Amino acid sequence: MKVEVLLRTEGQLAAVVGEAEGETWPEMQTALPALLRGLADTIEKRDETGEVPDAAPH
């Protein structure tokens, strides 16, 4: 089983920003919270200028 978290922004291609894998549902129940926690930490530590790193200019 594999779960990917995609980021889609207007005018940009979707990008995989995280993924979790597991062979069983119990493994996924462990992997998913860790994945989401890591993404939340990244978002909370973002650059306060509002710029998206590595984003192509409009």
C-alpha atoms as a PDB file:
ATOM      1  CA  MET A   1       0.000   0.000   0.000  1.00  0.00           C
ATOM      2  CA  LYS A   2       1.292   3.468  -0.814  1.00  0.00           C
ATOM      3  CA  VAL A   3      -0.121   6.887  -0.040  1.00  0.00           C
ATOM      4  CA  GLU A   4       1.233  10.013  -1.725  1.00  0.00           C
ATOM      5  CA  VAL A   5       0.468  13.572  -0.676  1.00  0.00           C
ATOM      6  CA  LEU A   6       0.319  15.884  -3.691  1.00  0.00           C
ATOM      7  CA  LEU A   7       0.639  19.657  -3.756  1.00  0.00           C
ATOM      8  CA  ARG A   8      -1.257  21.305  -6.591  1.00  0.00           C
ATOM      9  CA  THR A   9      -0.985  25.019  -7.106  1.00  0.00           C
ATOM     10  CA  GLU A  10      -2.560  27.091  -9.814  1.00  0.00           C
ATOM     11  CA  GLY A  11      -0.463  27.104 -12.943  1.00  0.00           C
ATOM     12  CA  GLN A  12       1.958  24.442 -11.676  1.00  0.00           C
ATOM     13  CA  LEU A  13       2.160  20.702 -12.094  1.00  0.00           C
ATOM     14  CA  ALA A  14       1.245  18.577  -9.082  1.00  0.00           C
ATOM     15  CA  ALA A  15       4.257  17.617  -6.977  1.00  0.00           C
ATOM     16  CA  VAL A  16       4.608  14.749  -4.516  1.00  0.00           C
ATOM     17  CA  VAL A  17       5.456  16.358  -1.167  1.00  0.00           C
ATOM     18  CA  GLY A  18       5.306  13.202   0.918  1.00  0.00           C
ATOM     19  CA  GLU A  19       4.655   9.509   0.787  1.00  0.00           C
ATOM     20  CA  ALA A  20       4.097   6.602   3.143  1.00  0.00           C
ATOM     21  CA  GLU A  21       4.287   2.898   2.436  1.00  0.00           C
ATOM     22  CA  GLY A  22       3.256  -0.217   4.278  1.00  0.00           C
ATOM     23  CA  GLU A  23       2.273  -3.762   3.464  1.00  0.00           C
ATOM     24  CA  THR A  24      -0.595  -3.910   5.951  1.00  0.00           C
ATOM     25  CA  TRP A  25      -3.178  -1.498   7.336  1.00  0.00           C
ATOM     26  CA  PRO A  26      -1.530  -1.519  10.806  1.00  0.00           C
ATOM     27  CA  GLU A  27       1.755  -0.441   9.173  1.00  0.00           C
ATOM     28  CA  MET A  28      -0.074   2.369   7.371  1.00  0.00           C
ATOM     29  CA  GLN A  29      -1.723   3.431  10.645  1.00  0.00           C
ATOM     30  CA  THR A  30       1.796   3.992  11.960  1.00  0.00           C
ATOM     31  CA  ALA A  31       3.223   5.558   8.798  1.00  0.00           C
ATOM     32  CA  LEU A  32       0.441   8.048   8.009  1.00  0.00           C
ATOM     33  CA  PRO A  33       0.535  10.077  11.255  1.00  0.00           C
ATOM     34  CA  ALA A  34       4.325  10.333  10.973  1.00  0.00           C
ATOM     35  CA  LEU A  35       4.014  11.528   7.365  1.00  0.00           C
ATOM     36  CA  LEU A  36       1.364  14.127   8.199  1.00  0.00           C
ATOM     37  CA  ARG A  37       3.261  15.306  11.289  1.00  0.00           C
ATOM     38  CA  GLY A  38       6.394  15.805   9.187  1.00  0.00           C
ATOM     39  CA  LEU A  39       4.470  17.777   6.560  1.00  0.00           C
ATOM     40  CA  ALA A  40       2.850  19.924   9.261  1.00  0.00           C
ATOM     41  CA  ASP A  41       6.267  20.679  10.773  1.00  0.00           C
ATOM     42  CA  THR A  42       7.570  21.715   7.356  1.00  0.00           C
ATOM     43  CA  ILE A  43       4.591  24.001   6.749  1.00  0.00           C
ATOM     44  CA  GLU A  44       4.848  25.588  10.193  1.00  0.00           C
ATOM     45  CA  LYS A  45       8.554  26.364   9.642  1.00  0.00           C
ATOM     46  CA  ARG A  46       7.918  27.943   6.234  1.00  0.00           C
ATOM     47  CA  ASP A  47       9.412  31.195   5.076  1.00  0.00           C
ATOM     48  CA  GLU A  48       7.199  33.999   6.408  1.00  0.00           C
ATOM     49  CA  THR A  49       7.537  35.995   3.171  1.00  0.00           C
ATOM     50  CA  GLY A  50       4.798  33.907   1.602  1.00  0.00           C
ATOM     51  CA  GLU A  51       7.095  32.698  -1.154  1.00  0.00           C
ATOM     52  CA  VAL A  52       6.960  29.061  -2.221  1.00  0.00           C
ATOM     53  CA  PRO A  53      10.480  27.604  -2.429  1.00  0.00           C
ATOM     54  CA  ASP A  54      11.472  26.365  -5.887  1.00  0.00           C
ATOM     55  CA  ALA A  55       8.241  27.643  -7.451  1.00  0.00           C
ATOM     56  CA  ALA A  56       8.430  28.857 -11.013  1.00  0.00           C
ATOM     57  CA  PRO A  57       7.636  32.565 -11.450  1.00  0.00           C
ATOM     58  CA  HIS A  58       4.262  33.476 -12.999  1.00  0.00           C
END
